[in-house]
């Protein structure tokens, strides 16, 4: 299966949150963009879909960023792809 750029970036974004999360301090878009080699503006757009799907929770403020809403082992790749690009048939 070939994934779209949007789906690949969403997967990478979620991976960066999982890698850098300590459960207390949210992972900023800037950190995820820098360590994952992704454009920050693109991640801003992806975060909206991931929040709507209930996969991440945003924290506002100076030290704001994103937390996963459940443990990484409970998040399926299909959930992330669907949040990024919509329903997948097959």
Protein backbone atom coordinates (compact mmCIF):
# COMPACT_ATOMS: atom_id res chain seq x y z
CA UNK A 1 0.00 0.00 0.00
CA UNK A 2 1.35 3.39 -0.96
CA UNK A 3 0.67 6.15 1.55
CA UNK A 4 0.14 9.79 0.70
CA UNK A 5 2.56 12.43 1.95
CA UNK A 6 -0.11 13.62 4.36
CA UNK A 7 -0.45 10.14 5.88
CA UNK A 8 3.33 9.67 6.11
CA UNK A 9 3.78 13.02 7.85
CA UNK A 10 0.95 12.21 10.28
CA UNK A 11 2.63 8.92 11.17
CA UNK A 12 5.98 10.65 11.65
CA UNK A 13 4.36 13.38 13.76
CA UNK A 14 2.73 10.83 16.05
CA UNK A 15 6.02 8.96 16.32
CA UNK A 16 7.84 12.14 17.35
CA UNK A 17 5.22 12.85 20.03
CA UNK A 18 5.57 9.29 21.34
CA UNK A 19 9.39 9.46 21.35
CA UNK A 20 9.67 12.81 23.11
CA UNK A 21 6.72 12.59 25.48
CA UNK A 22 7.38 12.18 29.17
CA UNK A 23 3.68 12.21 30.02
CA UNK A 24 3.92 15.61 31.71
CA UNK A 25 5.45 18.14 29.33
CA UNK A 26 3.68 18.45 25.97
CA UNK A 27 5.71 18.00 22.79
CA UNK A 28 5.81 21.25 20.81
CA UNK A 29 5.23 21.44 17.08
CA UNK A 30 8.64 23.07 16.73
CA UNK A 31 10.41 20.16 18.43
CA UNK A 32 8.49 17.54 16.43
CA UNK A 33 9.19 19.43 13.19
CA UNK A 34 12.89 19.83 13.90
CA UNK A 35 13.61 16.31 15.11
CA UNK A 36 11.38 14.71 12.48
CA UNK A 37 12.59 16.84 9.58
CA UNK A 38 9.08 18.07 8.75
CA UNK A 39 7.63 21.50 7.98
CA UNK A 40 6.02 23.05 11.09
CA UNK A 41 3.16 24.61 9.13
CA UNK A 42 2.24 21.22 7.71
CA UNK A 43 2.17 19.73 11.19
CA UNK A 44 -0.18 22.49 12.31
CA UNK A 45 -2.67 21.32 9.70
CA UNK A 46 -2.24 17.64 10.58
CA UNK A 47 -2.70 18.32 14.29
CA UNK A 48 -6.26 19.52 13.63
CA UNK A 49 -7.29 16.16 12.15
CA UNK A 50 -5.45 14.18 14.80
CA UNK A 51 -7.16 16.20 17.55
CA UNK A 52 -10.57 15.71 15.92
CA UNK A 53 -9.95 11.96 15.81
CA UNK A 54 -9.08 11.97 19.52
CA UNK A 55 -5.50 10.80 18.99
CA UNK A 56 -3.77 13.86 20.45
CA UNK A 57 -4.67 16.51 22.98
CA UNK A 58 -3.41 20.05 22.59
CA UNK A 59 -2.08 22.19 25.43
CA UNK A 60 -2.10 25.97 24.96
CA UNK A 61 0.40 28.46 26.27
CA UNK A 62 4.07 29.21 26.31
CA UNK A 63 5.03 25.62 27.03
CA UNK A 64 2.18 24.20 24.97
CA UNK A 65 2.23 21.31 22.57
CA UNK A 66 0.64 17.89 22.18
CA UNK A 67 0.15 14.73 24.21
CA UNK A 68 -1.05 11.36 22.97
CA UNK A 69 -4.49 10.60 24.36
CA UNK A 70 -3.65 6.93 24.94
CA UNK A 71 -0.52 4.80 25.24
CA UNK A 72 1.34 4.41 21.92
CA UNK A 73 0.76 0.64 21.90
CA UNK A 74 -3.00 1.26 21.78
CA UNK A 75 -2.89 3.55 18.74
CA UNK A 76 -3.23 1.79 15.40
CA UNK A 77 -1.58 2.97 12.20
CA UNK A 78 -4.96 2.83 10.47
CA UNK A 79 -6.39 5.28 13.01
CA UNK A 80 -3.63 7.78 12.23
CA UNK A 81 -3.98 7.37 8.45
CA UNK A 82 -7.75 7.81 8.62
CA UNK A 83 -7.36 10.94 10.76
CA UNK A 84 -4.97 12.37 8.18
CA UNK A 85 -6.66 11.49 4.90
CA UNK A 86 -10.14 10.21 5.72
CA UNK A 87 -11.69 6.75 5.44
CA UNK A 88 -9.60 4.10 3.72
CA UNK A 89 -11.31 1.33 1.78
CA UNK A 90 -9.84 -2.07 1.37
